[in-house]
Amino acid sequence: GSAEFLREALRQLQMRGHAHRVKLVGWDISPAALAMAQFVLDWERSQSNLDVEVVLKQQDALALDAWDTGASLILMNPPFISWQGMGEEQRKRLTDRLGALASKRPDYASAFFYTAADALPNDGVIGAVLPASLLDGESYVELRNSIAASVTPHLIARLGSHTVFADAVVDAGLYVGVRG
């Protein structure tokens, strides 16, 4: 998307006195989103005292066999796409990625979440905005169990409801976990 997570992560590191090199990696299929991300991150980098490298690529993250970024922190807001809203290629990519963990009609975000959790090194941290159904829905029990076998949750939250966010299409939740 427009790199708001990456921008805020950089701001938080700066405010907390982080002194190490920072590499921000972002992927998106949208050239417009990448252009916005580049602008936002170039501006934020210009305001920072940190040694920051920005690597943005136009690519479908699920087309990669693995996410070999070496990232110790993965922050994500994956695309929320219901089973009904996916095209055939997206459904195939999702079910290929999740294998037997793809139960009933999974949301596209579940494949991103699973892949990110799998990419974490020991002591790596994942933070994700997800459809709340991934955090408590029956369709995702096996997926959650698979991720919980290696990632310990530190925060699981529901961000609201349709009564609070009347125009929202999906209830959103937050997940923060540490591998190991």
C-alpha atoms as a PDB file:
ATOM      1  CA  GLY A   1       0.000   0.000   0.000  1.00  0.00           C
ATOM      2  CA  SER A   2       1.125   3.541   0.718  1.00  0.00           C
ATOM      3  CA  ALA A   3       3.765   2.365   3.271  1.00  0.00           C
ATOM      4  CA  GLU A   4       2.098   3.816   6.345  1.00  0.00           C
ATOM      5  CA  PHE A   5       3.296   0.875   8.452  1.00  0.00           C
ATOM      6  CA  LEU A   6       6.858   1.304   7.216  1.00  0.00           C
ATOM      7  CA  ARG A   7       6.748   5.064   7.735  1.00  0.00           C
ATOM      8  CA  GLU A   8       5.446   4.729  11.265  1.00  0.00           C
ATOM      9  CA  ALA A   9       7.956   1.981  12.092  1.00  0.00           C
ATOM     10  CA  LEU A  10      10.755   4.311  11.013  1.00  0.00           C
ATOM     11  CA  ARG A  11       9.312   7.156  13.100  1.00  0.00           C
ATOM     12  CA  GLN A  12       9.005   4.914  16.157  1.00  0.00           C
ATOM     13  CA  LEU A  13      12.592   3.680  15.792  1.00  0.00           C
ATOM     14  CA  GLN A  14      13.794   7.275  15.540  1.00  0.00           C
ATOM     15  CA  MET A  15      11.797   8.375  18.608  1.00  0.00           C
ATOM     16  CA  ARG A  16      13.149   5.450  20.634  1.00  0.00           C
ATOM     17  CA  GLY A  17      16.779   6.274  19.820  1.00  0.00           C
ATOM     18  CA  HIS A  18      17.453   3.299  17.564  1.00  0.00           C
ATOM     19  CA  ALA A  19      21.051   3.518  16.350  1.00  0.00           C
ATOM     20  CA  HIS A  20      21.360   0.619  13.916  1.00  0.00           C
ATOM     21  CA  ARG A  21      20.936   0.469  10.163  1.00  0.00           C
ATOM     22  CA  VAL A  22      17.335   0.036   8.992  1.00  0.00           C
ATOM     23  CA  LYS A  23      16.250  -1.670   5.791  1.00  0.00           C
ATOM     24  CA  LEU A  24      12.623  -1.178   4.793  1.00  0.00           C
ATOM     25  CA  VAL A  25      11.288  -3.659   2.234  1.00  0.00           C
ATOM     26  CA  GLY A  26       7.876  -3.286   0.634  1.00  0.00           C
ATOM     27  CA  TRP A  27       6.034  -5.212  -2.071  1.00  0.00           C
ATOM     28  CA  ASP A  28       2.838  -4.375  -3.886  1.00  0.00           C
ATOM     29  CA  ILE A  29       1.252  -5.177  -7.216  1.00  0.00           C
ATOM     30  CA  SER A  30       0.069  -1.590  -7.696  1.00  0.00           C
ATOM     31  CA  PRO A  31       2.455   0.904  -9.341  1.00  0.00           C
ATOM     32  CA  ALA A  32       0.409   3.777  -7.865  1.00  0.00           C
ATOM     33  CA  ALA A  33       0.730   2.369  -4.336  1.00  0.00           C
ATOM     34  CA  LEU A  34       4.472   1.947  -4.818  1.00  0.00           C
ATOM     35  CA  ALA A  35       4.842   5.529  -6.066  1.00  0.00           C
ATOM     36  CA  MET A  36       2.997   6.804  -2.972  1.00  0.00           C
ATOM     37  CA  ALA A  37       5.131   4.562  -0.750  1.00  0.00           C
ATOM     38  CA  GLN A  38       8.360   5.796  -2.331  1.00  0.00           C
ATOM     39  CA  PHE A  39       7.331   9.435  -1.839  1.00  0.00           C
ATOM     40  CA  VAL A  40       6.285   8.902   1.794  1.00  0.00           C
ATOM     41  CA  LEU A  41       9.406   6.922   2.688  1.00  0.00           C
ATOM     42  CA  ASP A  42      11.777   9.318   0.903  1.00  0.00           C
ATOM     43  CA  TRP A  43      10.263  12.165   2.908  1.00  0.00           C
ATOM     44  CA  GLU A  44      10.420  10.271   6.202  1.00  0.00           C
ATOM     45  CA  ARG A  45      14.003   9.191   5.508  1.00  0.00           C
ATOM     46  CA  SER A  46      14.978  12.807   4.814  1.00  0.00           C
ATOM     47  CA  GLN A  47      13.662  13.748   8.270  1.00  0.00           C
ATOM     48  CA  SER A  48      15.482  10.902  10.039  1.00  0.00           C
ATOM     49  CA  ASN A  49      18.999  10.623  11.443  1.00  0.00           C
ATOM     50  CA  LEU A  50      18.941   6.867  10.868  1.00  0.00           C
ATOM     51  CA  ASP A  51      20.860   5.005   8.171  1.00  0.00           C
ATOM     52  CA  VAL A  52      17.846   3.858   6.135  1.00  0.00           C
ATOM     53  CA  GLU A  53      17.697   1.788   2.964  1.00  0.00           C
ATOM     54  CA  VAL A  54      14.355   1.561   1.167  1.00  0.00           C
ATOM     55  CA  VAL A  55      13.666  -1.323  -1.219  1.00  0.00           C
ATOM     56  CA  LEU A  56      10.258  -1.274  -2.898  1.00  0.00           C
ATOM     57  CA  LYS A  57       9.312  -3.759  -5.603  1.00  0.00           C
ATOM     58  CA  GLN A  58       6.300  -4.274  -7.780  1.00  0.00           C
ATOM     59  CA  GLN A  59       5.529  -7.928  -7.255  1.00  0.00           C
ATOM     60  CA  ASP A  60       2.896 -10.276  -5.953  1.00  0.00           C
ATOM     61  CA  ALA A  61       4.249 -11.452  -2.603  1.00  0.00           C
ATOM     62  CA  LEU A  62       2.414 -14.759  -2.920  1.00  0.00           C
ATOM     63  CA  ALA A  63       4.140 -15.473  -6.222  1.00  0.00           C
ATOM     64  CA  LEU A  64       7.432 -15.813  -4.315  1.00  0.00           C
ATOM     65  CA  ASP A  65       8.380 -19.271  -3.067  1.00  0.00           C
ATOM     66  CA  ALA A  66       9.553 -17.810   0.236  1.00  0.00           C
ATOM     67  CA  TRP A  67      10.049 -14.393   1.748  1.00  0.00           C
ATOM     68  CA  ASP A  68      13.832 -14.368   2.147  1.00  0.00           C
ATOM     69  CA  THR A  69      14.265 -10.809   3.355  1.00  0.00           C
ATOM     70  CA  GLY A  70      16.148 -11.568   6.562  1.00  0.00           C
ATOM     71  CA  ALA A  71      13.657  -9.262   8.294  1.00  0.00           C
ATOM     72  CA  SER A  72      13.535  -9.430  12.068  1.00  0.00           C
ATOM     73  CA  LEU A  73      10.302  -7.422  12.053  1.00  0.00           C
ATOM     74  CA  ILE A  74       7.456  -7.963   9.595  1.00  0.00           C
ATOM     75  CA  LEU A  75       4.611  -5.442   9.649  1.00  0.00           C
ATOM     76  CA  MET A  76       1.753  -6.032   7.292  1.00  0.00           C
ATOM     77  CA  ASN A  77      -1.680  -5.010   6.205  1.00  0.00           C
ATOM     78  CA  PRO A  78      -2.376  -7.738   3.653  1.00  0.00           C
ATOM     79  CA  PRO A  79      -5.200  -7.456   1.148  1.00  0.00           C
ATOM     80  CA  PHE A  80      -8.545  -8.483   2.631  1.00  0.00           C
ATOM     81  CA  ILE A  81     -10.248 -10.373  -0.180  1.00  0.00           C
ATOM     82  CA  SER A  82     -13.088 -12.761   0.572  1.00  0.00           C
ATOM     83  CA  TRP A  83     -13.299 -16.094  -1.214  1.00  0.00           C
ATOM     84  CA  GLN A  84     -16.240 -14.741  -3.220  1.00  0.00           C
ATOM     85  CA  GLY A  85     -14.225 -11.657  -4.218  1.00  0.00           C
ATOM     86  CA  MET A  86     -11.203 -13.590  -5.536  1.00  0.00           C
ATOM     87  CA  GLY A  87     -10.521 -14.552  -9.103  1.00  0.00           C
ATOM     88  CA  GLU A  88      -9.503 -18.091 -10.040  1.00  0.00           C
ATOM     89  CA  GLU A  89      -5.773 -17.244 -10.021  1.00  0.00           C
ATOM     90  CA  GLN A  90      -6.004 -15.761  -6.520  1.00  0.00           C
ATOM     91  CA  ARG A  91      -7.920 -18.787  -5.232  1.00  0.00           C
ATOM     92  CA  LYS A  92      -5.309 -21.117  -6.694  1.00  0.00           C
ATOM     93  CA  ARG A  93      -2.440 -19.109  -5.233  1.00  0.00           C
ATOM     94  CA  LEU A  94      -4.165 -19.098  -1.838  1.00  0.00           C
ATOM     95  CA  THR A  95      -4.902 -22.832  -1.751  1.00  0.00           C
ATOM     96  CA  ASP A  96      -1.433 -23.693  -3.101  1.00  0.00           C
ATOM     97  CA  ARG A  97       0.139 -21.599  -0.335  1.00  0.00           C
ATOM     98  CA  LEU A  98      -1.998 -22.914   2.527  1.00  0.00           C
ATOM     99  CA  GLY A  99      -2.355 -26.508   1.346  1.00  0.00           C
ATOM    100  CA  ALA A 100      -4.363 -28.534   3.865  1.00  0.00           C
ATOM    101  CA  LEU A 101      -4.675 -25.443   6.096  1.00  0.00           C
ATOM    102  CA  ALA A 102      -7.076 -23.871   3.566  1.00  0.00           C
ATOM    103  CA  SER A 103     -10.399 -24.691   5.165  1.00  0.00           C
ATOM    104  CA  LYS A 104     -13.808 -23.764   3.783  1.00  0.00           C
ATOM    105  CA  ARG A 105     -13.575 -20.305   2.153  1.00  0.00           C
ATOM    106  CA  PRO A 106     -10.432 -18.581   3.476  1.00  0.00           C
ATOM    107  CA  ASP A 107      -9.687 -14.892   3.054  1.00  0.00           C
ATOM    108  CA  TYR A 108      -6.708 -13.951   0.861  1.00  0.00           C
ATOM    109  CA  ALA A 109      -5.052 -12.270   3.861  1.00  0.00           C
ATOM    110  CA  SER A 110      -4.607 -15.680   5.507  1.00  0.00           C
ATOM    111  CA  ALA A 111      -1.979 -16.736   2.945  1.00  0.00           C
ATOM    112  CA  PHE A 112       0.017 -13.554   3.569  1.00  0.00           C
ATOM    113  CA  PHE A 113      -0.181 -14.033   7.339  1.00  0.00           C
ATOM    114  CA  TYR A 114       0.917 -17.672   7.093  1.00  0.00           C
ATOM    115  CA  THR A 115       3.810 -16.842   4.753  1.00  0.00           C
ATOM    116  CA  ALA A 116       4.995 -13.956   6.928  1.00  0.00           C
ATOM    117  CA  ALA A 117       4.938 -16.080  10.089  1.00  0.00           C
ATOM    118  CA  ASP A 118       6.920 -18.756   8.258  1.00  0.00           C
ATOM    119  CA  ALA A 119       9.518 -16.186   7.115  1.00  0.00           C
ATOM    120  CA  LEU A 120      10.363 -14.982  10.628  1.00  0.00           C
ATOM    121  CA  PRO A 121      13.764 -15.828  12.099  1.00  0.00           C
ATOM    122  CA  ASN A 122      14.037 -16.858  15.756  1.00  0.00           C
ATOM    123  CA  ASP A 123      13.062 -13.901  17.953  1.00  0.00           C
ATOM    124  CA  GLY A 124      11.528 -12.218  14.893  1.00  0.00           C
ATOM    125  CA  VAL A 125       8.347 -10.198  15.389  1.00  0.00           C
ATOM    126  CA  ILE A 126       5.236 -10.077  13.241  1.00  0.00           C
ATOM    127  CA  GLY A 127       2.606  -7.365  13.463  1.00  0.00           C
ATOM    128  CA  ALA A 128      -0.434  -7.597  11.233  1.00  0.00           C
ATOM    129  CA  VAL A 129      -3.790  -6.003  10.622  1.00  0.00           C
ATOM    130  CA  LEU A 130      -6.037  -8.909   9.680  1.00  0.00           C
ATOM    131  CA  PRO A 131      -9.679  -9.730   9.131  1.00  0.00           C
ATOM    132  CA  ALA A 132     -10.929 -10.483  12.667  1.00  0.00           C
ATOM    133  CA  SER A 133     -12.290 -13.810  11.401  1.00  0.00           C
ATOM    134  CA  LEU A 134      -8.690 -15.061  11.072  1.00  0.00           C
ATOM    135  CA  LEU A 135      -8.275 -14.530  14.804  1.00  0.00           C
ATOM    136  CA  ASP A 136     -11.442 -16.257  15.983  1.00  0.00           C
ATOM    137  CA  GLY A 137     -13.230 -17.960  13.083  1.00  0.00           C
ATOM    138  CA  GLU A 138     -13.723 -21.730  12.961  1.00  0.00           C
ATOM    139  CA  SER A 139     -12.372 -21.863   9.407  1.00  0.00           C
ATOM    140  CA  TYR A 140      -8.941 -20.813  10.647  1.00  0.00           C
ATOM    141  CA  VAL A 141      -8.432 -23.128  13.648  1.00  0.00           C
ATOM    142  CA  GLU A 142      -5.821 -25.306  11.888  1.00  0.00           C
ATOM    143  CA  LEU A 143      -4.062 -22.277  10.410  1.00  0.00           C
ATOM    144  CA  ARG A 144      -3.869 -20.597  13.833  1.00  0.00           C
ATOM    145  CA  ASN A 145      -2.602 -23.824  15.411  1.00  0.00           C
ATOM    146  CA  SER A 146       0.075 -24.151  12.739  1.00  0.00           C
ATOM    147  CA  ILE A 147       1.278 -20.587  13.308  1.00  0.00           C
ATOM    148  CA  ALA A 148       1.042 -20.940  17.107  1.00  0.00           C
ATOM    149  CA  ALA A 149       3.413 -23.928  16.943  1.00  0.00           C
ATOM    150  CA  SER A 150       6.270 -21.504  16.215  1.00  0.00           C
ATOM    151  CA  VAL A 151       4.984 -17.984  16.927  1.00  0.00           C
ATOM    152  CA  THR A 152       3.878 -16.878  20.393  1.00  0.00           C
ATOM    153  CA  PRO A 153       1.142 -14.231  20.334  1.00  0.00           C
ATOM    154  CA  HIS A 154       1.728 -11.114  22.444  1.00  0.00           C
ATOM    155  CA  LEU A 155      -1.319  -9.134  21.349  1.00  0.00           C
ATOM    156  CA  ILE A 156      -4.543 -10.219  19.714  1.00  0.00           C
ATOM    157  CA  ALA A 157      -7.195  -7.535  19.373  1.00  0.00           C
ATOM    158  CA  ARG A 158     -10.402  -6.793  17.551  1.00  0.00           C
ATOM    159  CA  LEU A 159     -10.431  -3.180  16.335  1.00  0.00           C
ATOM    160  CA  GLY A 160     -14.132  -2.597  16.428  1.00  0.00           C
ATOM    161  CA  SER A 161     -17.354  -3.737  14.989  1.00  0.00           C
ATOM    162  CA  HIS A 162     -19.779  -2.728  12.294  1.00  0.00           C
ATOM    163  CA  THR A 163     -21.610  -0.678  14.907  1.00  0.00           C
ATOM    164  CA  VAL A 164     -18.473   1.415  15.482  1.00  0.00           C
ATOM    165  CA  PHE A 165     -17.264   1.474  11.857  1.00  0.00           C
ATOM    166  CA  ALA A 166     -20.553   1.419   9.965  1.00  0.00           C
ATOM    167  CA  ASP A 167     -18.930   1.684   6.519  1.00  0.00           C
ATOM    168  CA  ALA A 168     -16.406  -1.106   7.119  1.00  0.00           C
ATOM    169  CA  VAL A 169     -16.825  -4.176   4.949  1.00  0.00           C
ATOM    170  CA  VAL A 170     -14.753  -6.438   7.231  1.00  0.00           C
ATOM    171  CA  ASP A 171     -14.133  -6.354  10.979  1.00  0.00           C
ATOM    172  CA  ALA A 172     -10.411  -5.841  11.464  1.00  0.00           C
ATOM    173  CA  GLY A 173      -8.126  -7.213  14.144  1.00  0.00           C
ATOM    174  CA  LEU A 174      -4.495  -6.916  15.209  1.00  0.00           C
ATOM    175  CA  TYR A 175      -1.983  -9.650  15.813  1.00  0.00           C
ATOM    176  CA  VAL A 176       1.510  -9.245  17.247  1.00  0.00           C
ATOM    177  CA  GLY A 177       3.671 -12.301  17.878  1.00  0.00           C
ATOM    178  CA  VAL A 178       7.271 -13.418  18.361  1.00  0.00           C
ATOM    179  CA  ARG A 179       8.838 -16.497  16.817  1.00  0.00           C
ATOM    180  CA  GLY A 180      10.372 -18.828  19.373  1.00  0.00           C
END
